[in-house]
Amino acid sequence: MLRSMTAAVLGLVMMAATGCQSMTGKTAGESMSDSAITAKVQSKLTADRLSNFTRVDVDTERGIVNLSGVVPTAEQKARAAELTRQVEGVKRVNNNLQIEEPTKTGKLNE
């Protein structure tokens, strides 16, 4: 009787351990790690005094960070990628930031 209960409990534990993967194929630990990386990157970008990265979206998937949004210059695009690479846990950066084009008046689109 004790053996069958132990086997049943062990079976449930095994099912629970394998059932921790979500529909995306990521484990709970990977999801938390990606969330932490995203938060750290966003914090680092918003804390940068040299640039205005308020229009940058950050998404992390298994340590690969995707940057998207709009920045005023190519220098700021490069700076965002540089700052992102400095965050622990970042494996690669996909820099999909767009450079905002000036209007005919010479001002950036608002």
N, C-alpha and C. Protein backbone atom coordinates (compact mmCIF):
# COMPACT_ATOMS: atom_id res chain seq x y z
N MET A 1 0.83 -1.19 0.00
CA MET A 1 0.00 0.00 0.00
C MET A 1 0.88 1.26 0.00
N LEU A 2 1.90 1.24 0.86
CA LEU A 2 2.79 2.39 0.95
C LEU A 2 3.53 2.61 -0.36
N ARG A 3 3.93 1.51 -1.00
CA ARG A 3 4.64 1.62 -2.28
C ARG A 3 3.75 2.23 -3.36
N SER A 4 2.51 1.84 -3.41
CA SER A 4 1.61 2.36 -4.43
C SER A 4 1.31 3.85 -4.20
N MET A 5 1.22 4.24 -2.93
CA MET A 5 1.00 5.66 -2.63
C MET A 5 2.24 6.47 -2.98
N THR A 6 3.41 5.93 -2.67
CA THR A 6 4.66 6.60 -3.01
C THR A 6 4.80 6.74 -4.52
N ALA A 7 4.46 5.69 -5.24
CA ALA A 7 4.52 5.72 -6.70
C ALA A 7 3.54 6.75 -7.26
N ALA A 8 2.36 6.82 -6.68
CA ALA A 8 1.35 7.78 -7.14
C ALA A 8 1.82 9.22 -6.89
N VAL A 9 2.37 9.47 -5.71
CA VAL A 9 2.86 10.81 -5.38
C VAL A 9 4.02 11.17 -6.30
N LEU A 10 4.93 10.23 -6.51
CA LEU A 10 6.06 10.47 -7.41
C LEU A 10 5.57 10.76 -8.83
N GLY A 11 4.57 10.05 -9.27
CA GLY A 11 3.99 10.29 -10.59
C GLY A 11 3.39 11.68 -10.70
N LEU A 12 2.68 12.10 -9.65
CA LEU A 12 2.10 13.45 -9.65
C LEU A 12 3.18 14.54 -9.67
N VAL A 13 4.25 14.31 -8.91
CA VAL A 13 5.35 15.26 -8.89
C VAL A 13 5.99 15.36 -10.27
N MET A 14 6.19 14.23 -10.92
CA MET A 14 6.78 14.22 -12.26
C MET A 14 5.87 14.96 -13.25
N MET A 15 4.56 14.72 -13.17
CA MET A 15 3.62 15.41 -14.06
C MET A 15 3.64 16.90 -13.80
N ALA A 16 3.70 17.29 -12.56
CA ALA A 16 3.71 18.71 -12.22
C ALA A 16 4.99 19.37 -12.72
N ALA A 17 6.10 18.67 -12.60
CA ALA A 17 7.38 19.23 -13.05
C ALA A 17 7.40 19.42 -14.56
N THR A 18 6.87 18.46 -15.29
CA THR A 18 6.86 18.60 -16.75
C THR A 18 5.74 19.53 -17.19
N GLY A 19 4.73 19.70 -16.36
CA GLY A 19 3.62 20.58 -16.71
C GLY A 19 3.90 22.04 -16.45
N CYS A 20 5.10 22.38 -15.97
CA CYS A 20 5.42 23.76 -15.68
C CYS A 20 5.75 24.57 -16.93
N GLN A 21 5.86 23.92 -18.06
CA GLN A 21 6.12 24.66 -19.28
C GLN A 21 4.81 25.24 -19.78
N SER A 22 4.85 26.47 -20.21
CA SER A 22 3.65 27.13 -20.71
C SER A 22 3.46 26.79 -22.18
N MET A 23 2.47 27.37 -22.79
CA MET A 23 2.20 27.16 -24.21
C MET A 23 3.34 27.69 -25.07
N THR A 24 4.13 28.59 -24.56
CA THR A 24 5.25 29.13 -25.33
C THR A 24 6.46 28.22 -25.30
N GLY A 25 6.42 27.19 -24.47
CA GLY A 25 7.55 26.28 -24.36
C GLY A 25 8.57 26.72 -23.33
N LYS A 26 8.30 27.83 -22.65
CA LYS A 26 9.22 28.33 -21.63
C LYS A 26 8.80 27.81 -20.28
N THR A 27 9.78 27.49 -19.44
CA THR A 27 9.48 27.08 -18.08
C THR A 27 9.18 28.33 -17.25
N ALA A 28 8.65 28.13 -16.06
CA ALA A 28 8.35 29.26 -15.18
C ALA A 28 9.61 30.06 -14.88
N GLY A 29 10.73 29.37 -14.68
CA GLY A 29 11.99 30.05 -14.40
C GLY A 29 12.45 30.91 -15.56
N GLU A 30 12.27 30.41 -16.79
CA GLU A 30 12.65 31.19 -17.97
C GLU A 30 11.77 32.42 -18.12
N SER A 31 10.48 32.26 -17.84
CA SER A 31 9.57 33.40 -17.93
C SER A 31 9.94 34.48 -16.94
N MET A 32 10.26 34.07 -15.71
CA MET A 32 10.63 35.04 -14.69
C MET A 32 11.95 35.70 -15.06
N SER A 33 12.86 34.94 -15.59
CA SER A 33 14.15 35.49 -15.97
C SER A 33 13.97 36.50 -17.10
N ASP A 34 13.15 36.16 -18.09
CA ASP A 34 12.91 37.08 -19.20
C ASP A 34 12.22 38.35 -18.71
N SER A 35 11.30 38.19 -17.78
CA SER A 35 10.62 39.37 -17.21
C SER A 35 11.61 40.25 -16.46
N ALA A 36 12.52 39.62 -15.73
CA ALA A 36 13.52 40.37 -14.98
C ALA A 36 14.46 41.10 -15.94
N ILE A 37 14.87 40.44 -17.01
CA ILE A 37 15.74 41.08 -18.00
C ILE A 37 15.03 42.26 -18.63
N THR A 38 13.77 42.09 -19.01
CA THR A 38 13.00 43.18 -19.61
C THR A 38 12.93 44.37 -18.66
N ALA A 39 12.65 44.11 -17.39
CA ALA A 39 12.55 45.19 -16.40
C ALA A 39 13.89 45.90 -16.23
N LYS A 40 14.97 45.13 -16.19
CA LYS A 40 16.30 45.74 -16.02
C LYS A 40 16.68 46.58 -17.23
N VAL A 41 16.37 46.09 -18.43
CA VAL A 41 16.68 46.86 -19.65
C VAL A 41 15.87 48.15 -19.66
N GLN A 42 14.58 48.05 -19.39
CA GLN A 42 13.73 49.25 -19.38
C GLN A 42 14.24 50.26 -18.36
N SER A 43 14.61 49.79 -17.20
CA SER A 43 15.14 50.67 -16.16
C SER A 43 16.42 51.35 -16.61
N LYS A 44 17.31 50.58 -17.22
CA LYS A 44 18.58 51.12 -17.68
C LYS A 44 18.36 52.16 -18.79
N LEU A 45 17.43 51.89 -19.68
CA LEU A 45 17.16 52.84 -20.77
C LEU A 45 16.54 54.14 -20.26
N THR A 46 15.60 54.03 -19.33
CA THR A 46 14.95 55.24 -18.83
C THR A 46 15.86 56.04 -17.91
N ALA A 47 16.83 55.37 -17.29
CA ALA A 47 17.77 56.07 -16.40
C ALA A 47 18.88 56.79 -17.16
N ASP A 48 19.05 56.48 -18.44
CA ASP A 48 20.12 57.10 -19.23
C ASP A 48 19.82 58.58 -19.45
N ARG A 49 20.70 59.42 -18.96
CA ARG A 49 20.48 60.88 -19.05
C ARG A 49 20.86 61.46 -20.42
N LEU A 50 21.63 60.72 -21.19
CA LEU A 50 22.07 61.23 -22.48
C LEU A 50 21.00 61.11 -23.56
N SER A 51 20.05 60.23 -23.36
CA SER A 51 19.06 59.96 -24.40
C SER A 51 17.66 59.95 -23.82
N ASN A 52 16.68 60.02 -24.71
CA ASN A 52 15.29 59.96 -24.32
C ASN A 52 14.70 58.68 -24.91
N PHE A 53 14.64 57.62 -24.10
CA PHE A 53 14.18 56.34 -24.59
C PHE A 53 12.76 56.02 -24.14
N THR A 54 11.92 57.03 -24.02
CA THR A 54 10.55 56.81 -23.56
C THR A 54 9.69 56.11 -24.60
N ARG A 55 10.11 56.12 -25.86
CA ARG A 55 9.31 55.51 -26.92
C ARG A 55 9.92 54.18 -27.39
N VAL A 56 10.64 53.51 -26.50
CA VAL A 56 11.27 52.23 -26.82
C VAL A 56 10.54 51.12 -26.08
N ASP A 57 10.11 50.11 -26.84
CA ASP A 57 9.48 48.94 -26.25
C ASP A 57 10.52 47.82 -26.14
N VAL A 58 10.47 47.09 -25.04
CA VAL A 58 11.44 46.02 -24.78
C VAL A 58 10.67 44.72 -24.58
N ASP A 59 11.09 43.68 -25.28
CA ASP A 59 10.49 42.35 -25.13
C ASP A 59 11.63 41.34 -25.11
N THR A 60 11.57 40.41 -24.17
CA THR A 60 12.64 39.42 -24.02
C THR A 60 12.07 38.02 -24.17
N GLU A 61 12.74 37.22 -24.96
CA GLU A 61 12.36 35.83 -25.19
C GLU A 61 13.61 34.97 -25.08
N ARG A 62 13.70 34.21 -23.98
CA ARG A 62 14.84 33.32 -23.73
C ARG A 62 16.18 34.04 -23.80
N GLY A 63 16.21 35.23 -23.23
CA GLY A 63 17.45 36.01 -23.15
C GLY A 63 17.74 36.86 -24.36
N ILE A 64 16.91 36.75 -25.39
CA ILE A 64 17.08 37.56 -26.59
C ILE A 64 16.15 38.76 -26.47
N VAL A 65 16.75 39.95 -26.45
CA VAL A 65 15.98 41.18 -26.24
C VAL A 65 15.66 41.83 -27.59
N ASN A 66 14.38 42.14 -27.78
CA ASN A 66 13.93 42.84 -28.97
C ASN A 66 13.58 44.27 -28.60
N LEU A 67 14.26 45.20 -29.23
CA LEU A 67 13.96 46.62 -29.04
C LEU A 67 13.15 47.10 -30.23
N SER A 68 12.06 47.80 -29.96
CA SER A 68 11.26 48.38 -31.04
C SER A 68 10.75 49.74 -30.58
N GLY A 69 10.38 50.54 -31.55
CA GLY A 69 9.91 51.88 -31.25
C GLY A 69 10.64 52.90 -32.10
N VAL A 70 10.66 54.13 -31.63
CA VAL A 70 11.21 55.24 -32.41
C VAL A 70 12.20 56.03 -31.56
N VAL A 71 13.33 56.35 -32.18
CA VAL A 71 14.32 57.24 -31.56
C VAL A 71 14.68 58.33 -32.56
N PRO A 72 15.14 59.48 -32.08
CA PRO A 72 15.43 60.60 -32.98
C PRO A 72 16.66 60.42 -33.88
N THR A 73 17.68 59.69 -33.40
CA THR A 73 18.93 59.64 -34.18
C THR A 73 19.51 58.23 -34.22
N ALA A 74 20.42 58.01 -35.18
CA ALA A 74 21.13 56.74 -35.28
C ALA A 74 22.01 56.51 -34.06
N GLU A 75 22.54 57.58 -33.50
CA GLU A 75 23.37 57.47 -32.31
C GLU A 75 22.57 56.92 -31.14
N GLN A 76 21.34 57.39 -30.99
CA GLN A 76 20.50 56.90 -29.90
C GLN A 76 20.09 55.45 -30.14
N LYS A 77 19.89 55.07 -31.38
CA LYS A 77 19.59 53.68 -31.70
C LYS A 77 20.75 52.78 -31.25
N ALA A 78 21.96 53.19 -31.58
CA ALA A 78 23.15 52.43 -31.18
C ALA A 78 23.32 52.43 -29.66
N ARG A 79 23.05 53.56 -29.03
CA ARG A 79 23.18 53.67 -27.57
C ARG A 79 22.21 52.74 -26.86
N ALA A 80 21.00 52.64 -27.36
CA ALA A 80 20.01 51.75 -26.75
C ALA A 80 20.48 50.30 -26.80
N ALA A 81 21.05 49.88 -27.92
CA ALA A 81 21.56 48.52 -28.04
C ALA A 81 22.75 48.30 -27.11
N GLU A 82 23.61 49.30 -27.02
CA GLU A 82 24.79 49.21 -26.16
C GLU A 82 24.38 49.05 -24.69
N LEU A 83 23.44 49.86 -24.25
CA LEU A 83 22.96 49.78 -22.86
C LEU A 83 22.29 48.43 -22.59
N THR A 84 21.55 47.94 -23.57
CA THR A 84 20.86 46.66 -23.42
C THR A 84 21.86 45.52 -23.25
N ARG A 85 22.93 45.54 -24.02
CA ARG A 85 23.95 44.48 -23.93
C ARG A 85 24.63 44.45 -22.56
N GLN A 86 24.59 45.55 -21.83
CA GLN A 86 25.23 45.63 -20.53
C GLN A 86 24.43 44.92 -19.42
N VAL A 87 23.18 44.59 -19.70
CA VAL A 87 22.32 43.97 -18.69
C VAL A 87 22.64 42.47 -18.59
N GLU A 88 22.82 42.02 -17.37
CA GLU A 88 23.12 40.61 -17.13
C GLU A 88 21.98 39.73 -17.62
N GLY A 89 22.33 38.65 -18.31
CA GLY A 89 21.33 37.71 -18.81
C GLY A 89 20.96 37.92 -20.26
N VAL A 90 21.35 39.06 -20.83
CA VAL A 90 21.05 39.33 -22.24
C VAL A 90 21.99 38.50 -23.10
N LYS A 91 21.42 37.65 -23.95
CA LYS A 91 22.22 36.81 -24.84
C LYS A 91 22.45 37.49 -26.18
N ARG A 92 21.42 38.19 -26.65
CA ARG A 92 21.50 38.86 -27.95
C ARG A 92 20.49 40.01 -27.98
N VAL A 93 20.79 41.02 -28.81
CA VAL A 93 19.89 42.16 -28.95
C VAL A 93 19.46 42.27 -30.42
N ASN A 94 18.15 42.27 -30.64
CA ASN A 94 17.60 42.56 -31.96
C ASN A 94 17.14 44.02 -31.92
N ASN A 95 17.90 44.88 -32.56
CA ASN A 95 17.61 46.31 -32.51
C ASN A 95 16.73 46.68 -33.70
N ASN A 96 15.43 46.72 -33.47
CA ASN A 96 14.46 47.06 -34.50
C ASN A 96 13.96 48.50 -34.35
N LEU A 97 14.75 49.34 -33.68
CA LEU A 97 14.35 50.73 -33.48
C LEU A 97 14.37 51.47 -34.81
N GLN A 98 13.39 52.33 -34.99
CA GLN A 98 13.30 53.16 -36.19
C GLN A 98 13.80 54.57 -35.85
N ILE A 99 14.45 55.18 -36.81
CA ILE A 99 14.93 56.55 -36.62
C ILE A 99 13.86 57.49 -37.17
N GLU A 100 13.45 58.41 -36.29
CA GLU A 100 12.39 59.36 -36.65
C GLU A 100 12.92 60.35 -37.67
N GLU A 101 12.16 60.54 -38.73
CA GLU A 101 12.57 61.49 -39.77
C GLU A 101 12.06 62.89 -39.43
N PRO A 102 12.88 63.92 -39.68
CA PRO A 102 12.42 65.28 -39.45
C PRO A 102 11.34 65.68 -40.45
N THR A 103 10.46 66.57 -40.02
CA THR A 103 9.43 67.06 -40.93
C THR A 103 10.05 68.15 -41.83
N LYS A 104 9.27 68.69 -42.72
CA LYS A 104 9.75 69.73 -43.64
C LYS A 104 10.20 70.99 -42.90
N THR A 105 9.69 71.19 -41.70
CA THR A 105 10.07 72.36 -40.92
C THR A 105 11.38 72.15 -40.19
N GLY A 106 11.92 70.93 -40.28
CA GLY A 106 13.17 70.63 -39.60
C GLY A 106 13.00 70.09 -38.21
N LYS A 107 11.76 70.04 -37.72
CA LYS A 107 11.49 69.51 -36.38
C LYS A 107 11.12 68.05 -36.52
N LEU A 108 11.35 67.30 -35.47
CA LEU A 108 10.98 65.91 -35.44
C LEU A 108 9.47 65.80 -35.29
N ASN A 109 8.88 64.74 -35.87
CA ASN A 109 7.45 64.50 -35.70
C ASN A 109 7.15 64.25 -34.23
N GLU A 110 6.09 64.78 -33.77
CA GLU A 110 5.73 64.64 -32.36
C GLU A 110 4.60 63.65 -32.23
